[in-house]
Structures are given as structure tokens and as C-alpha cells.
Amino acid sequence: MGTEFDTDNTLLMMQLGKGGGTEVFTTAAQTGKNWFCVHFPVESVVASIAADGVTGETALQTTLSAGTTLFMNITSITLTSGIGIGYRDI
């Protein structure tokens, strides 16, 4: 039996925000979001965060190292400093 491989880059597009579901943000409050992933390319300080289906996310209200990626359904986030890249499922 052969193995099926994704030959149309669907998985890659999903990982990269499906070609249009990506938002770069700084310290402005981000609310009403439906991000499945947020990446922080530089050191960032999280002031507040909320995620569907997650408990204890307030523990993430801290300084995150550059390169940190959070995989969860983030609905709102506010940074004190830094940059985030939110990826949504469109």
C-alpha cells in the first residue's frame, strides 16, 4: 500500500494562515479574534490573553521569549510591548 501525500500544499497554507488569514499586531488590544496560533518574533510582554477551551491561560500574562509560538484558539490578546503574528482559520 502506498502512502498519500499532500501534493497541493494545503497543509503548508494552513500553517501559514491560509494565504490571507494573518495579522501582525503590536500593543493595540486585539479582540473578537479566532486565531489558532500566535507567533512572537521578538520578545513580547502579554498584558492579557483569552482563549476558548483553555484553562489557566492567565499564566501566559508574562514576558515571552522571541520565537515563542502559542497553539490555541486565542480570542483576545493585548501586549504591553513586542510584536505578535496571529493566524486565523479562514
Protein backbone atom coordinates (compact mmCIF):
# COMPACT_ATOMS: atom_id res chain seq x y z
CA MET A 1 0.00 0.00 0.00
CA GLY A 2 1.18 3.44 -0.82
CA THR A 3 1.08 6.47 1.42
CA GLU A 4 -0.92 9.50 0.38
CA PHE A 5 0.99 12.76 0.49
CA ASP A 6 -0.39 16.27 0.38
CA THR A 7 0.76 17.37 -3.04
CA ASP A 8 -1.20 20.62 -3.29
CA ASN A 9 0.42 22.49 -0.37
CA THR A 10 -2.83 22.59 1.61
CA LEU A 11 -1.06 21.77 4.87
CA LEU A 12 1.62 24.40 4.23
CA MET A 13 -1.02 27.06 3.51
CA MET A 14 -2.85 26.06 6.70
CA GLN A 15 0.34 26.51 8.69
CA LEU A 16 0.89 29.94 7.14
CA GLY A 17 -2.58 31.33 7.70
CA LYS A 18 -4.17 30.03 4.50
CA GLY A 19 -2.90 32.87 2.38
CA GLY A 20 -4.89 35.71 3.92
CA GLY A 21 -5.69 34.94 7.50
CA THR A 22 -2.60 36.55 9.01
CA GLU A 23 -2.49 39.69 11.15
CA VAL A 24 0.57 41.44 12.59
CA PHE A 25 -0.12 43.41 15.77
CA THR A 26 1.66 45.36 18.49
CA THR A 27 0.18 46.91 21.63
CA ALA A 28 -3.36 47.69 20.45
CA ALA A 29 -5.92 45.39 22.07
CA GLN A 30 -6.87 42.52 19.78
CA THR A 31 -10.45 41.39 20.49
CA GLY A 32 -13.01 39.26 18.70
CA LYS A 33 -10.28 37.14 17.13
CA ASN A 34 -10.33 33.48 16.16
CA TRP A 35 -6.62 32.73 15.90
CA PHE A 36 -5.39 29.15 16.09
CA CYS A 37 -1.79 30.27 16.51
CA VAL A 38 0.13 33.38 17.59
CA HIS A 39 3.86 33.71 16.96
CA PHE A 40 6.09 36.27 18.70
CA PRO A 41 9.17 37.06 16.53
CA VAL A 42 10.61 39.37 19.21
CA GLU A 43 10.47 39.33 23.00
CA SER A 44 6.92 40.34 23.91
CA VAL A 45 5.06 41.12 27.13
CA VAL A 46 1.48 39.82 27.32
CA ALA A 47 -0.79 42.06 29.42
CA SER A 48 -3.94 39.97 28.88
CA ILE A 49 -4.99 36.90 26.92
CA ALA A 50 -8.17 34.84 26.49
CA ALA A 51 -8.61 31.56 24.64
CA ASP A 52 -11.57 29.27 24.02
CA GLY A 53 -11.36 25.84 25.58
CA VAL A 54 -8.27 26.69 27.62
CA THR A 55 -7.90 26.96 31.37
CA GLY A 56 -5.05 28.77 33.09
CA GLU A 57 -4.17 30.99 30.14
CA THR A 58 -3.61 33.87 32.57
CA ALA A 59 -0.28 32.18 33.36
CA LEU A 60 0.78 33.47 29.93
CA GLN A 61 0.49 37.08 31.13
CA THR A 62 4.26 37.33 31.27
CA THR A 63 7.29 38.04 29.11
CA LEU A 64 7.55 35.59 26.22
CA SER A 65 10.89 34.96 24.55
CA ALA A 66 11.44 35.77 20.89
CA GLY A 67 10.38 32.79 18.81
CA THR A 68 7.59 31.67 21.15
CA THR A 69 4.52 30.26 19.38
CA LEU A 70 1.20 29.61 21.12
CA PHE A 71 -1.11 27.00 19.59
CA MET A 72 -4.62 27.53 20.96
CA ASN A 73 -7.85 29.27 19.94
CA ILE A 74 -6.93 32.81 21.04
CA THR A 75 -9.91 35.16 21.09
CA SER A 76 -8.25 38.26 22.54
CA ILE A 77 -4.77 39.41 23.47
CA THR A 78 -3.11 42.67 24.48
CA LEU A 79 0.65 43.23 24.54
CA THR A 80 2.47 45.74 26.70
CA SER A 81 5.40 45.55 24.29
CA GLY A 82 6.54 43.44 21.37
CA ILE A 83 5.02 42.08 18.18
CA GLY A 84 2.65 39.20 17.53
CA ILE A 85 1.56 37.48 14.35
CA GLY A 86 -1.92 35.95 14.59
CA TYR A 87 -3.01 33.17 12.23
CA ARG A 88 -6.71 32.55 11.75
CA ASP A 89 -8.56 29.74 10.10
CA ILE A 90 -10.39 31.29 7.16
